[in-house]
Protein backbone atom coordinates (compact mmCIF):
# COMPACT_ATOMS: atom_id res chain seq x y z
CA UNK A 1 8.77 3.78 4.25
CA UNK A 2 10.00 3.11 7.75
CA UNK A 3 10.62 -0.65 7.99
CA UNK A 4 11.33 -2.89 10.92
CA UNK A 5 14.88 -2.04 11.84
CA UNK A 6 17.86 -3.77 13.37
CA UNK A 7 18.15 -4.63 17.04
CA UNK A 8 20.96 -2.12 17.53
CA UNK A 9 19.03 0.76 16.03
CA UNK A 10 15.95 -0.21 18.02
CA UNK A 11 18.02 -0.06 21.18
CA UNK A 12 19.23 3.41 20.28
CA UNK A 13 15.68 4.54 19.55
CA UNK A 14 14.62 3.15 22.90
CA UNK A 15 17.23 5.25 24.73
CA UNK A 16 16.63 8.42 22.73
CA UNK A 17 12.86 8.12 22.95
CA UNK A 18 12.99 7.74 26.73
CA UNK A 19 14.86 11.04 26.86
CA UNK A 20 12.98 12.99 24.22
CA UNK A 21 9.39 11.77 24.24
CA UNK A 22 8.54 10.79 27.81
CA UNK A 23 5.54 12.51 29.33
CA UNK A 24 4.42 14.39 26.21
CA UNK A 25 1.41 16.25 27.53
CA UNK A 26 -0.64 17.33 24.55
CA UNK A 27 -1.90 16.29 21.15
CA UNK A 28 0.39 17.77 18.51
CA UNK A 29 -2.18 17.77 15.72
CA UNK A 30 -2.68 21.28 14.39
CA UNK A 31 -4.78 22.89 11.73
CA UNK A 32 -3.29 24.73 8.80
CA UNK A 33 -3.90 28.46 8.97
CA UNK A 34 -4.75 28.59 5.28
CA UNK A 35 -7.28 25.96 4.34
CA UNK A 36 -7.34 24.45 0.87
CA UNK A 37 -10.59 24.94 -0.99
CA UNK A 38 -10.91 21.70 -2.92
CA UNK A 39 -14.06 19.62 -3.01
CA UNK A 40 -15.78 16.84 -4.92
CA UNK A 41 -16.18 18.78 -8.18
CA UNK A 42 -12.41 19.27 -8.48
CA UNK A 43 -11.75 15.61 -7.73
CA UNK A 44 -14.19 14.50 -10.41
CA UNK A 45 -12.74 16.99 -12.89
CA UNK A 46 -9.19 15.75 -12.20
CA UNK A 47 -10.36 12.17 -12.57
CA UNK A 48 -8.54 10.96 -9.47
CA UNK A 49 -9.02 10.64 -5.73
CA UNK A 50 -5.81 11.16 -3.75
CA UNK A 51 -5.94 9.32 -0.43
CA UNK A 52 -3.42 8.61 2.30
CA UNK A 53 -3.42 5.45 4.37
CA UNK A 54 -1.12 3.81 6.86
CA UNK A 55 1.10 0.89 5.94
CA UNK A 56 0.73 -2.09 8.26
CA UNK A 57 -0.45 -5.68 8.45
CA UNK A 58 -4.15 -4.87 8.04
CA UNK A 59 -4.62 -1.51 6.32
CA UNK A 60 -2.31 -1.75 3.30
CA UNK A 61 0.51 -4.16 2.54
CA UNK A 62 2.09 -6.46 -0.04
CA UNK A 63 1.70 -10.22 0.05
CA UNK A 64 3.56 -12.22 -2.60
CA UNK A 65 3.70 -9.05 -4.66
CA UNK A 66 -0.03 -8.36 -4.46
CA UNK A 67 -1.32 -5.08 -2.94
CA UNK A 68 -3.83 -5.92 -0.22
CA UNK A 69 -5.45 -4.47 2.90
CA UNK A 70 -8.71 -3.42 4.50
CA UNK A 71 -8.28 0.28 3.77
CA UNK A 72 -6.90 -0.40 0.30
CA UNK A 73 -9.83 -2.53 -0.80
CA UNK A 74 -12.35 -0.05 0.54
CA UNK A 75 -10.59 2.84 -1.21
CA UNK A 76 -10.49 0.90 -4.45
CA UNK A 77 -14.26 0.36 -4.22
CA UNK A 78 -14.87 4.03 -3.38
CA UNK A 79 -12.82 5.21 -6.38
CA UNK A 80 -14.79 2.84 -8.60
CA UNK A 81 -18.04 4.26 -7.23
CA UNK A 82 -16.88 7.81 -7.90
CA UNK A 83 -15.66 6.87 -11.37
CA UNK A 84 -12.12 8.14 -10.76
CA UNK A 85 -8.64 6.70 -10.50
CA UNK A 86 -7.25 6.02 -7.02
CA UNK A 87 -3.89 7.57 -6.17
CA UNK A 88 -2.72 6.20 -2.85
CA UNK A 89 -0.01 7.70 -0.65
CA UNK A 90 1.44 5.99 2.41
CA UNK A 91 2.21 7.65 5.75
CA UNK A 92 2.37 6.16 9.24
CA UNK A 93 2.96 9.38 11.20
CA UNK A 94 -0.47 10.46 12.45
CA UNK A 95 0.46 14.15 12.66
CA UNK A 96 1.55 14.07 9.02
CA UNK A 97 -1.76 12.51 7.97
CA UNK A 98 -3.63 15.59 9.15
CA UNK A 99 -1.02 17.96 7.70
CA UNK A 100 -1.24 16.26 4.30
CA UNK A 101 -5.02 16.53 4.31
CA UNK A 102 -5.29 20.17 5.32
CA UNK A 103 -2.42 21.27 3.05
CA UNK A 104 -4.28 19.80 0.06
CA UNK A 105 -1.76 17.08 -0.70
CA UNK A 106 -4.48 14.46 -0.25
CA UNK A 107 -8.27 14.52 -0.38
CA UNK A 108 -9.02 11.83 2.18
CA UNK A 109 -7.42 10.09 5.16
CA UNK A 110 -8.31 6.39 4.95
CA UNK A 111 -7.26 4.87 8.24
CA UNK A 112 -8.82 3.52 11.40
CA UNK A 113 -8.85 6.98 12.96
CA UNK A 114 -10.53 7.07 16.33
CA UNK A 115 -13.06 9.89 16.46
CA UNK A 116 -12.13 12.35 19.21
CA UNK A 117 -13.27 15.84 20.14
CA UNK A 118 -9.81 17.32 19.47
CA UNK A 119 -9.67 15.83 16.00
CA UNK A 120 -13.15 17.07 15.18
CA UNK A 121 -11.79 20.57 15.55
CA UNK A 122 -9.45 20.16 12.59
CA UNK A 123 -11.17 17.69 10.24
CA UNK A 124 -14.61 16.35 9.39
CA UNK A 125 -15.08 12.65 10.01
CA UNK A 126 -17.12 10.39 7.81
CA UNK A 127 -19.74 8.14 9.34
CA UNK A 128 -18.00 5.34 11.29
CA UNK A 129 -16.91 2.18 9.53
CA UNK A 130 -15.81 0.43 12.71
CA UNK A 131 -15.41 0.46 16.44
CA UNK A 132 -12.43 -0.21 18.68
CA UNK A 133 -11.10 0.10 22.22
CA UNK A 134 -7.65 0.77 23.62
CA UNK A 135 -5.94 -2.27 25.10
CA UNK A 136 -2.69 -3.01 26.88
CA UNK A 137 -0.33 -5.25 24.93
CA UNK A 138 2.17 -7.23 27.00
CA UNK A 139 4.19 -10.42 26.70
CA UNK A 140 2.61 -13.68 27.67
CA UNK A 141 4.05 -17.13 28.29
CA UNK A 142 0.67 -18.59 27.31
CA UNK A 143 0.37 -19.82 30.88
CA UNK A 144 -2.96 -19.41 32.66
CA UNK A 145 -1.06 -18.83 35.90
CA UNK A 146 1.21 -16.12 34.49
CA UNK A 147 1.44 -13.79 37.49
CA UNK A 148 3.22 -11.02 35.59
CA UNK A 149 0.23 -10.21 33.38
CA UNK A 150 -1.41 -6.90 34.34
CA UNK A 151 -5.19 -7.05 34.48
CA UNK A 152 -5.93 -4.06 36.73
CA UNK A 153 -5.10 -0.65 35.18
CA UNK A 154 -4.15 0.56 38.67
CA UNK A 155 -1.07 -1.64 38.41
CA UNK A 156 0.22 0.47 35.53
CA UNK A 157 1.39 3.13 37.99
CA UNK A 158 5.17 3.34 37.74
CA UNK A 159 5.29 1.57 34.40
CA UNK A 160 6.64 2.75 31.02
CA UNK A 161 4.08 2.56 28.20
CA UNK A 162 4.86 3.03 24.51
CA UNK A 163 2.38 4.38 21.97
CA UNK A 164 2.31 5.75 18.46
CA UNK A 165 2.70 9.52 18.62
CA UNK A 166 -0.51 11.56 18.55
CA UNK A 167 -2.62 8.41 18.59
CA UNK A 168 -5.84 7.91 20.52
CA UNK A 169 -3.80 5.55 22.69
CA UNK A 170 -1.58 8.43 23.80
CA UNK A 171 -4.58 10.48 24.85
CA UNK A 172 -6.07 7.51 26.67
CA UNK A 173 -2.89 6.82 28.66
CA UNK A 174 -2.64 10.49 29.71
CA UNK A 175 -6.21 10.36 30.94
CA UNK A 176 -5.61 7.03 32.67
CA UNK A 177 -2.71 8.53 34.59
CA UNK A 178 -5.08 11.14 36.01
CA UNK A 179 -7.73 8.56 36.76
CA UNK A 180 -5.50 6.19 38.74
CA UNK A 181 -3.57 8.95 40.50
CA UNK A 182 -0.25 7.30 39.74
CA UNK A 183 2.67 8.24 37.53
CA UNK A 184 2.84 6.53 34.12
CA UNK A 185 5.83 7.25 31.89
CA UNK A 186 4.38 7.72 28.43
CA UNK A 187 6.71 7.37 25.43
CA UNK A 188 5.33 8.55 22.09
CA UNK A 189 7.35 7.39 19.10
CA UNK A 190 6.81 9.37 15.88
CA UNK A 191 8.00 6.84 13.31
CA UNK A 192 6.58 3.66 14.76
CA UNK A 193 3.11 2.28 14.20
CA UNK A 194 1.33 -0.18 16.47
CA UNK A 195 2.57 -3.18 14.47
CA UNK A 196 6.19 -2.24 15.04
CA UNK A 197 5.70 -1.46 18.71
CA UNK A 198 4.02 -4.81 19.31
CA UNK A 199 6.91 -6.50 17.52
CA UNK A 200 9.25 -4.87 20.03
CA UNK A 201 7.13 -6.16 22.93
CA UNK A 202 7.23 -9.66 21.44
CA UNK A 203 11.02 -9.48 21.15
CA UNK A 204 11.40 -8.30 24.74
CA UNK A 205 12.76 -4.85 23.93
CA UNK A 206 9.92 -3.04 25.67
CA UNK A 207 7.24 -4.30 28.04
CA UNK A 208 4.00 -2.42 27.38
CA UNK A 209 2.20 -0.90 24.43
CA UNK A 210 -1.29 0.57 24.22
CA UNK A 211 -3.10 0.48 20.88
CA UNK A 212 -6.41 -0.27 19.17
CA UNK A 213 -7.92 -3.61 20.07
CA UNK A 214 -8.70 -4.54 16.45
CA UNK A 215 -5.06 -4.18 15.41
CA UNK A 216 -3.75 -5.82 18.59
CA UNK A 217 -5.85 -8.95 18.18
CA UNK A 218 -4.61 -9.63 14.66
CA UNK A 219 -0.98 -9.03 15.57
CA UNK A 220 -1.18 -11.08 18.78
CA UNK A 221 -2.60 -14.03 16.86
CA UNK A 222 0.30 -13.87 14.39
CA UNK A 223 3.11 -13.53 16.94
CA UNK A 224 1.76 -15.98 19.51
CA UNK A 225 3.38 -14.52 22.63
CA UNK A 226 1.36 -11.36 23.21
CA UNK A 227 -1.57 -10.72 25.53
CA UNK A 228 -4.06 -8.00 24.61
CA UNK A 229 -6.96 -8.84 26.92
CA UNK A 230 -6.55 -5.95 29.37
CA UNK A 231 -8.90 -3.12 28.42
CA UNK A 232 -7.96 0.40 29.36
CA UNK A 233 -10.47 2.35 27.30
CA UNK A 234 -14.12 2.55 26.33
CA UNK A 235 -15.43 1.81 22.82
CA UNK A 236 -14.71 4.47 20.20
CA UNK A 237 -15.82 4.85 16.61
CA UNK A 238 -13.26 4.64 13.81
CA UNK A 239 -13.74 6.63 10.61
CA UNK A 240 -12.10 8.33 7.65
CA UNK A 241 -11.52 12.09 7.52
CA UNK A 242 -11.82 14.91 4.96
CA UNK A 243 -11.06 18.62 5.07
CA UNK A 244 -13.65 20.93 6.55
CA UNK A 245 -13.64 22.67 3.17
CA UNK A 246 -14.87 19.48 1.41
CA UNK A 247 -18.56 19.20 2.42
CA UNK A 248 -19.66 17.73 -0.91
CA UNK A 249 -17.02 15.03 -0.75
CA UNK A 250 -18.05 14.23 2.81
CA UNK A 251 -21.69 13.95 1.78
CA UNK A 252 -20.91 11.65 -1.15
CA UNK A 253 -18.55 9.42 0.86
CA UNK A 254 -21.08 9.17 3.68
CA UNK A 255 -23.81 8.17 1.25
CA UNK A 256 -21.54 5.48 -0.18
CA UNK A 257 -20.36 4.22 3.23
CA UNK A 258 -23.89 4.04 4.58
CA UNK A 259 -24.82 1.60 1.82
CA UNK A 260 -21.45 -0.09 1.39
CA UNK A 261 -20.99 -1.17 5.03
CA UNK A 262 -24.33 -2.98 4.91
CA UNK A 263 -23.31 -5.20 2.00
CA UNK A 264 -22.07 -8.78 2.11
CA UNK A 265 -19.10 -7.65 0.03
CA UNK A 266 -17.95 -5.32 2.80
CA UNK A 267 -18.34 -8.02 5.45
CA UNK A 268 -16.16 -10.33 3.37
CA UNK A 269 -13.46 -7.64 3.21
CA UNK A 270 -13.63 -6.93 6.95
CA UNK A 271 -13.51 -10.61 7.88
CA UNK A 272 -10.70 -11.19 5.41
CA UNK A 273 -8.33 -8.95 7.35
CA UNK A 274 -9.60 -9.08 10.93
CA UNK A 275 -11.11 -12.54 11.44
CA UNK A 276 -9.86 -14.98 8.83
CA UNK A 277 -7.13 -17.54 9.68
CA UNK A 278 -5.77 -16.83 6.20
CA UNK A 279 -4.62 -13.41 7.38
CA UNK A 280 -2.51 -15.05 10.08
CA UNK A 281 -1.08 -17.39 7.43
CA UNK A 282 -0.25 -14.39 5.24
CA UNK A 283 1.44 -12.60 8.12
CA UNK A 284 3.63 -15.62 8.83
CA UNK A 285 4.64 -16.04 5.18
CA UNK A 286 8.18 -15.39 3.95
CA UNK A 287 6.66 -12.99 1.42
CA UNK A 288 4.61 -10.77 3.72
CA UNK A 289 6.55 -7.61 2.94
CA UNK A 290 5.67 -5.75 6.13
CA UNK A 291 7.87 -8.12 8.11
CA UNK A 292 10.26 -9.83 5.71
CA UNK A 293 11.09 -7.18 3.12
CA UNK A 294 10.56 -9.73 0.34
CA UNK A 295 7.92 -9.99 -2.36
CA UNK A 296 9.27 -13.06 -4.20
CA UNK A 297 12.03 -15.67 -4.32
CA UNK A 298 13.62 -13.74 -7.14
CA UNK A 299 14.09 -10.27 -5.63
CA UNK A 300 17.89 -10.37 -5.76
CA UNK A 301 17.91 -11.53 -9.40
CA UNK A 302 15.46 -8.78 -10.30
CA UNK A 303 17.59 -6.16 -8.58
CA UNK A 304 20.73 -7.29 -10.39
CA UNK A 305 19.21 -7.74 -13.85
CA UNK A 306 17.20 -4.49 -13.82
CA UNK A 307 20.46 -2.53 -13.73
CA UNK A 308 21.31 -3.80 -17.23
CA UNK A 309 18.44 -1.75 -18.68
CA UNK A 310 18.47 1.07 -16.11
CA UNK A 311 15.04 0.09 -14.80
CA UNK A 312 13.81 0.42 -11.26
CA UNK A 313 13.78 -3.20 -10.06
CA UNK A 314 10.30 -2.64 -8.67
CA UNK A 315 9.04 -1.99 -12.21
CA UNK A 316 10.66 -5.17 -13.48
CA UNK A 317 9.12 -7.03 -10.54
CA UNK A 318 5.69 -5.70 -11.44
CA UNK A 319 6.11 -6.95 -15.01
CA UNK A 320 7.17 -10.42 -13.80
CA UNK A 321 4.20 -10.55 -11.44
CA UNK A 322 1.90 -9.65 -14.34
CA UNK A 323 3.36 -12.39 -16.49
CA UNK A 324 3.63 -15.28 -14.04
CA UNK A 325 2.78 -14.26 -10.47
CA UNK A 326 6.46 -15.08 -9.80
CA UNK A 327 5.86 -18.75 -10.67
CA UNK A 328 8.85 -20.11 -12.61
CA UNK A 329 6.79 -23.11 -13.73
CA UNK A 330 3.84 -21.10 -15.09
CA UNK A 331 2.47 -22.19 -18.48
CA UNK A 332 -0.20 -20.18 -20.30
CA UNK A 333 -2.96 -21.63 -22.46
CA UNK A 334 -1.03 -20.30 -25.45
CA UNK A 335 2.12 -22.20 -24.51
CA UNK A 336 4.13 -19.35 -22.97
CA UNK A 337 6.37 -20.54 -20.16
CA UNK A 338 8.26 -19.40 -17.09
CA UNK A 339 8.63 -16.22 -15.09
CA UNK A 340 8.78 -14.05 -18.21
CA UNK A 341 6.25 -16.12 -20.21
CA UNK A 342 8.32 -16.70 -23.31
CA UNK A 343 6.81 -18.44 -26.27
CA UNK A 344 9.09 -21.31 -27.44
CA UNK A 345 10.33 -19.47 -30.54
CA UNK A 346 11.16 -16.30 -28.56
CA UNK A 347 12.86 -18.35 -25.84
CA UNK A 348 15.06 -20.03 -28.47
CA UNK A 349 15.92 -16.72 -30.13
CA UNK A 350 17.05 -15.16 -26.85
CA UNK A 351 18.70 -18.32 -25.56
CA UNK A 352 16.41 -18.79 -22.59
CA UNK A 353 16.48 -22.03 -20.61
CA UNK A 354 13.00 -22.19 -19.10
CA UNK A 355 14.18 -24.62 -16.41
CA UNK A 356 16.44 -21.98 -14.87
CA UNK A 357 14.72 -18.98 -13.14
CA UNK A 358 17.84 -16.82 -13.32
CA UNK A 359 18.14 -17.43 -17.07
CA UNK A 360 14.44 -16.69 -17.50
CA UNK A 361 14.90 -13.25 -15.97
CA UNK A 362 18.15 -12.62 -17.85
CA UNK A 363 16.43 -13.53 -21.11
CA UNK A 364 13.48 -11.31 -20.31
CA UNK A 365 15.80 -8.38 -19.72
CA UNK A 366 17.60 -9.03 -23.02
CA UNK A 367 14.22 -9.01 -24.75
CA UNK A 368 13.24 -5.74 -23.06
CA UNK A 369 16.55 -4.22 -24.13
CA UNK A 370 15.94 -5.42 -27.70
CA UNK A 371 12.49 -3.78 -27.65
CA UNK A 372 13.93 -0.48 -26.37
CA UNK A 373 16.40 -0.45 -29.24
CA UNK A 374 13.55 -0.69 -31.76
CA UNK A 375 12.29 2.70 -30.53
CA UNK A 376 15.62 4.53 -30.19
CA UNK A 377 15.28 6.47 -33.44
CA UNK A 378 12.08 8.17 -32.29
CA UNK A 379 13.56 9.99 -29.24
CA UNK A 380 10.63 9.06 -27.02
CA UNK A 381 10.97 10.52 -23.48
CA UNK A 382 12.01 7.92 -20.91
CA UNK A 383 8.80 8.15 -18.87
CA UNK A 384 6.80 7.44 -22.03
CA UNK A 385 9.22 4.93 -23.53
CA UNK A 386 8.61 2.46 -20.72
CA UNK A 387 4.93 2.30 -21.71
CA UNK A 388 5.84 1.57 -25.33
CA UNK A 389 8.21 -1.18 -24.17
CA UNK A 390 5.63 -2.77 -21.87
CA UNK A 391 3.00 -2.70 -24.60
CA UNK A 392 5.44 -4.25 -27.07
CA UNK A 393 6.36 -7.01 -24.62
CA UNK A 394 2.70 -7.98 -24.61
CA UNK A 395 1.54 -7.19 -28.15
CA UNK A 396 4.74 -7.27 -30.17
CA UNK A 397 6.70 -4.31 -31.50
CA UNK A 398 4.93 -4.31 -34.88
CA UNK A 399 1.46 -3.55 -33.54
CA UNK A 400 2.80 -0.74 -31.35
CA UNK A 401 4.69 0.77 -34.30
CA UNK A 402 1.45 0.63 -36.30
CA UNK A 403 -0.40 2.46 -33.53
CA UNK A 404 2.37 5.03 -33.40
CA UNK A 405 2.13 5.58 -37.18
CA UNK A 406 -1.65 6.02 -36.90
CA UNK A 407 -1.21 8.57 -34.12
CA UNK A 408 1.21 10.57 -36.24
CA UNK A 409 -1.07 10.43 -39.29
CA UNK A 410 -4.20 11.54 -37.44
CA UNK A 411 -2.77 14.43 -35.47
CA UNK A 412 -1.95 12.88 -32.13
CA UNK A 413 1.43 12.71 -30.42
CA UNK A 414 3.28 9.57 -31.61
CA UNK A 415 5.68 9.81 -28.66
CA UNK A 416 2.99 9.89 -26.01
CA UNK A 417 1.16 6.80 -24.83
CA UNK A 418 -1.94 7.87 -22.83
CA UNK A 419 -4.84 8.92 -25.08
CA UNK A 420 -2.52 9.03 -28.09
CA UNK A 421 -0.73 5.87 -29.26
CA UNK A 422 -2.74 3.95 -26.68
CA UNK A 423 -5.97 5.09 -28.38
CA UNK A 424 -4.94 3.69 -31.76
CA UNK A 425 -3.77 0.39 -30.30
CA UNK A 426 -7.17 0.03 -28.62
CA UNK A 427 -8.91 0.80 -31.92
CA UNK A 428 -6.43 -0.76 -34.32
CA UNK A 429 -8.94 -3.17 -35.86
CA UNK A 430 -10.92 -0.20 -37.18
CA UNK A 431 -7.82 1.05 -39.04
CA UNK A 432 -6.64 -2.32 -40.37
CA UNK A 433 -6.91 -1.22 -44.01
CA UNK A 434 -5.14 2.10 -43.47
CA UNK A 435 -1.99 2.29 -45.64
CA UNK A 436 0.27 3.00 -42.62
CA UNK A 437 -0.78 -0.25 -40.92
CA UNK A 438 1.81 -2.96 -41.67
CA UNK A 439 0.90 -5.70 -39.17
CA UNK A 440 -2.85 -6.16 -39.56
CA UNK A 441 -5.73 -6.24 -37.11
CA UNK A 442 -5.24 -6.32 -33.37
CA UNK A 443 -7.54 -6.26 -30.35
CA UNK A 444 -5.74 -3.92 -28.00
CA UNK A 445 -7.85 -4.19 -24.85
CA UNK A 446 -5.60 -6.81 -23.26
CA UNK A 447 -2.48 -4.75 -23.93
CA UNK A 448 -4.13 -1.59 -22.61
CA UNK A 449 -4.94 -3.38 -19.36
CA UNK A 450 -1.51 -4.98 -19.28
CA UNK A 451 0.31 -1.64 -19.32
CA UNK A 452 -2.13 -0.02 -16.88
CA UNK A 453 -1.98 -2.86 -14.37
CA UNK A 454 1.81 -3.09 -14.38
CA UNK A 455 2.19 0.65 -13.82
CA UNK A 456 -0.53 0.69 -11.15
CA UNK A 457 1.16 -2.16 -9.28
CA UNK A 458 4.51 -0.41 -9.70
CA UNK A 459 3.02 2.57 -7.88
CA UNK A 460 2.07 0.30 -4.98
CA UNK A 461 5.58 -1.13 -4.96
CA UNK A 462 6.99 2.41 -4.83
CA UNK A 463 4.68 3.18 -1.92
CA UNK A 464 5.87 0.27 0.15
CA UNK A 465 9.24 -1.00 -1.08
CA UNK A 466 12.32 1.10 -0.49
CA UNK A 467 14.31 2.06 -3.57
CA UNK A 468 17.63 0.28 -3.89
């Protein structure tokens, strides 16, 4: 993902963008010549909905390691309604959103897309889930007598305005230039979203940005030195989009949206990200990943220790979140303690000092390595082995070995987790008297969820956090 970048690079982008992108005169969104014929039936048969959303401070982000966002929560509810798994892809380039949809890479664009005539030519929009207007974002000294604040759009003649490439804001500024009869230098940046552009205004690198009012209001409240009161556009609907070859999906999503947006649950979600003071608090936190690049106090330890077992540090982080929510003082009702939730006997065996966060993580990694070694003789593929290790961290190696033995005995793949060893761990109590079972009964629902939730969160971390 494109992150907020250094001042020097921003300056270079500013110079290059002035040269390359000024006065772009047309929407670059195009329609694929060969449309993909994939509709609701295929999605239901595959058991997953593949959606793309943008990564910013309201749509989809990480806060203290937790995936959150307006679009994310709505998508999660839609997938639940459809009875499928959600697979979420992140992309902030608007042109690429449409390309991904019409090429078949995704089934749905879940973003605050403004509904325009040009876009209707290439996609089908769902019924609206919101409304917005285009506003001018500029610096403010929070002084009522600030004479530099532009309130009349006519005063934008001769000014340089930055927008996200191919956005509704770009189209609006081009039209505004015609309406006021004065030259406006329009700079469309392809790899910057509205959040990043407003950050640059706040820091004094550029002077004017045009973007959606809903996004601008949240960002302005968080930064404190932006004004977004000058309207330059009329109200427009915002909606999701599907391919024109997906009429059944469109019909089903519209049916769901029509009912969903009338619920109290939806209003809570909308207020949570657009109206609640808690969102401003989240945005100003040290662990709001969009701005800080951190998900916990322990990121550097996790990066260093994960190398000892050749794990992606984001996977180790997801496990630690699952265990303790990154709280080094966490104590479970069973007596497990610390970041890695060691029981006292296990902590003693692996020499873990639960008062030292670094030692907690080091001990957890030693334990994970010990678990991996228990499975070495079976030659389990790496992408499957991690699931066995996660399950064993939660349930103990013995129960997982029992489930593996049951899978082998009853004709399933003992080296594959999903629907194979996983099945017998879930149903282990039914096979407690089977001769291959050495470690007795076990209720596997918790472990099943444990593995699934860690891997699901890991996918979110991969979406948003750059690989080291």
